[in-house]
Amino acid sequence: MAIVDEVRQIISQTLKVPIERLTPDTRLDDIGAESLDVIEIVFELEEKFGISIPFNPDESPSARRGAREPNEAGDLAFQTIGEVASAVKNLVDAKRAS
């Protein structure tokens, strides 16, 4: 299963949103994700993939660039499902390379 599909599945289960509604372009705040939901999603992803996702926005690439304002979904440097999946993939790839 592709990482984006596994991310969609976790988000679908956490937010109780039909997986069919979730695309890489779906914004977390558009599907009702609040800060605690994002934390739960992050914990699930970390456990599933054996990675550590930074909670501190200062640790994210977008925060280092000052790219955007915090959003209602907790601003963990991603706003869409595709951005979450990309971050997870990068962390998984880095873990494999080390």
N, C-alpha and C. Protein backbone atom coordinates (compact mmCIF):
# COMPACT_ATOMS: atom_id res chain seq x y z
N MET A 1 0.85 -1.18 0.00
CA MET A 1 0.00 0.00 0.00
C MET A 1 0.89 1.24 0.00
N ALA A 2 0.56 2.22 -0.81
CA ALA A 2 1.32 3.46 -0.89
C ALA A 2 1.16 4.26 0.41
N ILE A 3 2.18 5.03 0.75
CA ILE A 3 2.14 5.82 1.97
C ILE A 3 0.93 6.75 1.98
N VAL A 4 0.63 7.39 0.86
CA VAL A 4 -0.52 8.31 0.82
C VAL A 4 -1.82 7.57 1.15
N ASP A 5 -1.95 6.32 0.71
CA ASP A 5 -3.15 5.55 1.01
C ASP A 5 -3.22 5.18 2.49
N GLU A 6 -2.07 4.87 3.08
CA GLU A 6 -2.04 4.55 4.51
C GLU A 6 -2.33 5.80 5.34
N VAL A 7 -1.83 6.94 4.91
CA VAL A 7 -2.12 8.21 5.60
C VAL A 7 -3.62 8.50 5.49
N ARG A 8 -4.18 8.34 4.32
CA ARG A 8 -5.62 8.54 4.13
C ARG A 8 -6.43 7.63 5.04
N GLN A 9 -6.01 6.38 5.17
CA GLN A 9 -6.72 5.42 6.00
C GLN A 9 -6.69 5.85 7.47
N ILE A 10 -5.53 6.26 7.96
CA ILE A 10 -5.42 6.70 9.36
C ILE A 10 -6.26 7.94 9.60
N ILE A 11 -6.20 8.90 8.69
CA ILE A 11 -6.99 10.13 8.85
C ILE A 11 -8.48 9.80 8.79
N SER A 12 -8.87 8.92 7.90
CA SER A 12 -10.27 8.51 7.78
C SER A 12 -10.77 7.90 9.08
N GLN A 13 -9.98 7.00 9.66
CA GLN A 13 -10.39 6.35 10.91
C GLN A 13 -10.42 7.33 12.07
N THR A 14 -9.44 8.21 12.15
CA THR A 14 -9.36 9.16 13.26
C THR A 14 -10.49 10.16 13.23
N LEU A 15 -10.76 10.71 12.04
CA LEU A 15 -11.77 11.76 11.91
C LEU A 15 -13.16 11.22 11.56
N LYS A 16 -13.23 9.90 11.33
CA LYS A 16 -14.49 9.27 10.94
C LYS A 16 -15.09 9.93 9.69
N VAL A 17 -14.20 10.09 8.71
CA VAL A 17 -14.57 10.66 7.41
C VAL A 17 -14.40 9.53 6.39
N PRO A 18 -15.37 9.33 5.49
CA PRO A 18 -15.22 8.28 4.48
C PRO A 18 -13.93 8.48 3.68
N ILE A 19 -13.17 7.41 3.53
CA ILE A 19 -11.88 7.50 2.84
C ILE A 19 -12.04 8.01 1.41
N GLU A 20 -13.19 7.76 0.81
CA GLU A 20 -13.43 8.21 -0.56
C GLU A 20 -13.39 9.74 -0.67
N ARG A 21 -13.67 10.43 0.43
CA ARG A 21 -13.67 11.91 0.44
C ARG A 21 -12.26 12.47 0.56
N LEU A 22 -11.28 11.62 0.87
CA LEU A 22 -9.94 12.10 1.15
C LEU A 22 -9.03 11.93 -0.06
N THR A 23 -8.54 13.05 -0.56
CA THR A 23 -7.59 13.05 -1.67
C THR A 23 -6.33 13.75 -1.18
N PRO A 24 -5.24 13.66 -1.92
CA PRO A 24 -4.03 14.37 -1.51
C PRO A 24 -4.23 15.88 -1.37
N ASP A 25 -5.21 16.44 -2.08
CA ASP A 25 -5.46 17.88 -2.01
C ASP A 25 -6.42 18.28 -0.89
N THR A 26 -6.99 17.31 -0.19
CA THR A 26 -7.94 17.61 0.88
C THR A 26 -7.23 18.33 2.02
N ARG A 27 -7.76 19.48 2.41
CA ARG A 27 -7.19 20.25 3.52
C ARG A 27 -7.70 19.67 4.84
N LEU A 28 -6.79 19.55 5.80
CA LEU A 28 -7.16 19.00 7.10
C LEU A 28 -8.24 19.83 7.78
N ASP A 29 -8.14 21.15 7.68
CA ASP A 29 -9.16 21.97 8.34
C ASP A 29 -10.51 21.86 7.63
N ASP A 30 -10.53 21.52 6.35
CA ASP A 30 -11.79 21.35 5.63
C ASP A 30 -12.55 20.09 6.06
N ILE A 31 -11.84 19.13 6.64
CA ILE A 31 -12.51 17.89 7.09
C ILE A 31 -12.65 17.86 8.61
N GLY A 32 -12.46 19.02 9.24
CA GLY A 32 -12.74 19.15 10.66
C GLY A 32 -11.62 18.79 11.60
N ALA A 33 -10.40 18.64 11.11
CA ALA A 33 -9.28 18.29 11.97
C ALA A 33 -8.94 19.46 12.88
N GLU A 34 -8.95 19.20 14.18
CA GLU A 34 -8.55 20.18 15.17
C GLU A 34 -7.21 19.75 15.74
N SER A 35 -6.63 20.57 16.58
CA SER A 35 -5.30 20.31 17.12
C SER A 35 -5.17 18.91 17.74
N LEU A 36 -6.12 18.53 18.57
CA LEU A 36 -6.04 17.20 19.20
C LEU A 36 -6.16 16.08 18.18
N ASP A 37 -6.96 16.29 17.14
CA ASP A 37 -7.07 15.29 16.07
C ASP A 37 -5.73 15.13 15.37
N VAL A 38 -5.07 16.24 15.10
CA VAL A 38 -3.79 16.20 14.41
C VAL A 38 -2.77 15.47 15.27
N ILE A 39 -2.78 15.72 16.57
CA ILE A 39 -1.86 15.03 17.48
C ILE A 39 -2.11 13.52 17.43
N GLU A 40 -3.37 13.12 17.46
CA GLU A 40 -3.70 11.70 17.39
C GLU A 40 -3.24 11.10 16.06
N ILE A 41 -3.46 11.81 14.97
CA ILE A 41 -3.02 11.33 13.65
C ILE A 41 -1.51 11.18 13.63
N VAL A 42 -0.79 12.17 14.17
CA VAL A 42 0.67 12.11 14.20
C VAL A 42 1.13 10.90 14.99
N PHE A 43 0.53 10.65 16.16
CA PHE A 43 0.91 9.48 16.97
C PHE A 43 0.68 8.19 16.20
N GLU A 44 -0.45 8.09 15.52
CA GLU A 44 -0.74 6.89 14.72
C GLU A 44 0.29 6.69 13.62
N LEU A 45 0.63 7.78 12.93
CA LEU A 45 1.62 7.69 11.84
C LEU A 45 2.99 7.32 12.38
N GLU A 46 3.38 7.92 13.50
CA GLU A 46 4.67 7.61 14.10
C GLU A 46 4.75 6.14 14.48
N GLU A 47 3.69 5.62 15.06
CA GLU A 47 3.67 4.22 15.46
C GLU A 47 3.71 3.30 14.25
N LYS A 48 2.90 3.59 13.25
CA LYS A 48 2.80 2.74 12.07
C LYS A 48 4.12 2.67 11.30
N PHE A 49 4.79 3.82 11.17
CA PHE A 49 5.98 3.87 10.33
C PHE A 49 7.29 3.87 11.12
N GLY A 50 7.22 3.93 12.45
CA GLY A 50 8.43 3.93 13.26
C GLY A 50 9.27 5.18 13.06
N ILE A 51 8.60 6.33 12.95
CA ILE A 51 9.28 7.60 12.71
C ILE A 51 8.91 8.59 13.81
N SER A 52 9.56 9.73 13.82
CA SER A 52 9.22 10.80 14.74
C SER A 52 8.91 12.05 13.92
N ILE A 53 7.68 12.54 14.06
CA ILE A 53 7.24 13.72 13.33
C ILE A 53 7.33 14.90 14.28
N PRO A 54 8.06 15.96 13.92
CA PRO A 54 8.23 17.09 14.84
C PRO A 54 6.92 17.83 15.09
N PHE A 55 6.65 18.10 16.36
CA PHE A 55 5.47 18.89 16.73
C PHE A 55 5.77 20.37 16.71
N ASN A 56 7.01 20.74 16.95
CA ASN A 56 7.38 22.14 17.04
C ASN A 56 7.45 22.74 15.64
N PRO A 57 6.60 23.71 15.34
CA PRO A 57 6.63 24.30 14.00
C PRO A 57 8.01 24.87 13.64
N ASP A 58 8.84 25.22 14.63
CA ASP A 58 10.17 25.71 14.34
C ASP A 58 11.06 24.65 13.71
N GLU A 59 10.67 23.37 13.86
CA GLU A 59 11.45 22.28 13.29
C GLU A 59 11.05 21.97 11.86
N SER A 60 9.99 22.56 11.38
CA SER A 60 9.50 22.24 10.05
C SER A 60 10.15 23.14 9.00
N PRO A 61 10.31 22.61 7.78
CA PRO A 61 10.89 23.43 6.71
C PRO A 61 10.11 24.70 6.44
N SER A 62 8.78 24.65 6.46
CA SER A 62 8.01 25.85 6.16
C SER A 62 8.19 26.90 7.24
N ALA A 63 8.32 26.48 8.49
CA ALA A 63 8.52 27.45 9.57
C ALA A 63 9.88 28.11 9.45
N ARG A 64 10.88 27.33 9.05
CA ARG A 64 12.22 27.92 8.88
C ARG A 64 12.21 28.96 7.77
N ARG A 65 11.35 28.76 6.78
CA ARG A 65 11.25 29.74 5.69
C ARG A 65 10.27 30.84 6.04
N GLY A 66 9.51 30.67 7.14
CA GLY A 66 8.47 31.65 7.47
C GLY A 66 7.38 31.66 6.43
N ALA A 67 7.03 30.51 5.91
CA ALA A 67 6.17 30.41 4.74
C ALA A 67 4.70 30.73 4.99
N ARG A 68 4.18 30.38 6.17
CA ARG A 68 2.74 30.61 6.33
C ARG A 68 2.35 30.75 7.80
N GLU A 69 1.15 31.25 7.96
CA GLU A 69 0.58 31.42 9.30
C GLU A 69 0.12 30.06 9.83
N PRO A 70 0.05 29.90 11.15
CA PRO A 70 -0.50 28.65 11.70
C PRO A 70 -1.94 28.46 11.25
N ASN A 71 -2.32 27.21 11.03
CA ASN A 71 -3.70 26.94 10.66
C ASN A 71 -4.42 26.29 11.83
N GLU A 72 -5.73 26.08 11.67
CA GLU A 72 -6.52 25.52 12.76
C GLU A 72 -6.22 24.05 12.99
N ALA A 73 -5.55 23.39 12.09
CA ALA A 73 -5.25 21.98 12.24
C ALA A 73 -3.94 21.75 12.97
N GLY A 74 -3.42 22.75 13.66
CA GLY A 74 -2.25 22.55 14.48
C GLY A 74 -0.96 22.97 13.82
N ASP A 75 -0.96 23.28 12.57
CA ASP A 75 0.20 23.71 11.80
C ASP A 75 1.45 22.91 12.10
N LEU A 76 1.44 21.66 11.71
CA LEU A 76 2.63 20.84 11.80
C LEU A 76 3.35 20.87 10.46
N ALA A 77 3.33 22.01 9.82
CA ALA A 77 4.00 22.27 8.55
C ALA A 77 3.26 21.68 7.37
N PHE A 78 2.07 21.17 7.59
CA PHE A 78 1.28 20.68 6.46
C PHE A 78 -0.19 21.02 6.66
N GLN A 79 -0.82 21.27 5.55
CA GLN A 79 -2.23 21.63 5.59
C GLN A 79 -3.09 20.63 4.83
N THR A 80 -2.50 19.87 3.92
CA THR A 80 -3.26 18.91 3.13
C THR A 80 -2.79 17.49 3.41
N ILE A 81 -3.62 16.53 3.02
CA ILE A 81 -3.25 15.13 3.19
C ILE A 81 -2.00 14.80 2.38
N GLY A 82 -1.88 15.40 1.20
CA GLY A 82 -0.69 15.18 0.38
C GLY A 82 0.58 15.66 1.08
N GLU A 83 0.49 16.79 1.77
CA GLU A 83 1.65 17.30 2.50
C GLU A 83 2.01 16.38 3.67
N VAL A 84 0.99 15.84 4.34
CA VAL A 84 1.24 14.88 5.43
C VAL A 84 1.95 13.65 4.86
N ALA A 85 1.41 13.12 3.77
CA ALA A 85 1.99 11.92 3.16
C ALA A 85 3.42 12.17 2.69
N SER A 86 3.67 13.34 2.12
CA SER A 86 5.02 13.68 1.68
C SER A 86 5.99 13.76 2.85
N ALA A 87 5.54 14.37 3.95
CA ALA A 87 6.40 14.46 5.14
C ALA A 87 6.70 13.07 5.68
N VAL A 88 5.68 12.21 5.74
CA VAL A 88 5.88 10.84 6.23
C VAL A 88 6.85 10.10 5.31
N LYS A 89 6.65 10.23 4.00
CA LYS A 89 7.53 9.54 3.05
C LYS A 89 8.98 10.00 3.22
N ASN A 90 9.19 11.31 3.37
CA ASN A 90 10.55 11.83 3.55
C ASN A 90 11.18 11.28 4.82
N LEU A 91 10.41 11.20 5.90
CA LEU A 91 10.93 10.67 7.15
C LEU A 91 11.22 9.18 7.06
N VAL A 92 10.34 8.44 6.38
CA VAL A 92 10.55 7.00 6.18
C VAL A 92 11.80 6.77 5.32
N ASP A 93 11.93 7.54 4.25
CA ASP A 93 13.11 7.41 3.37
C ASP A 93 14.39 7.74 4.13
N ALA A 94 14.37 8.78 4.95
CA ALA A 94 15.55 9.16 5.74
C ALA A 94 15.91 8.06 6.73
N LYS A 95 14.90 7.45 7.31
CA LYS A 95 15.14 6.37 8.27
C LYS A 95 15.79 5.17 7.57
N ARG A 96 15.28 4.85 6.39
CA ARG A 96 15.86 3.73 5.63
C ARG A 96 17.29 4.00 5.20
N ALA A 97 17.59 5.27 4.89
CA ALA A 97 18.93 5.63 4.40
C ALA A 97 19.97 5.62 5.53
N SER A 98 19.51 5.75 6.76
CA SER A 98 20.48 5.83 7.86
C SER A 98 20.89 4.48 8.38
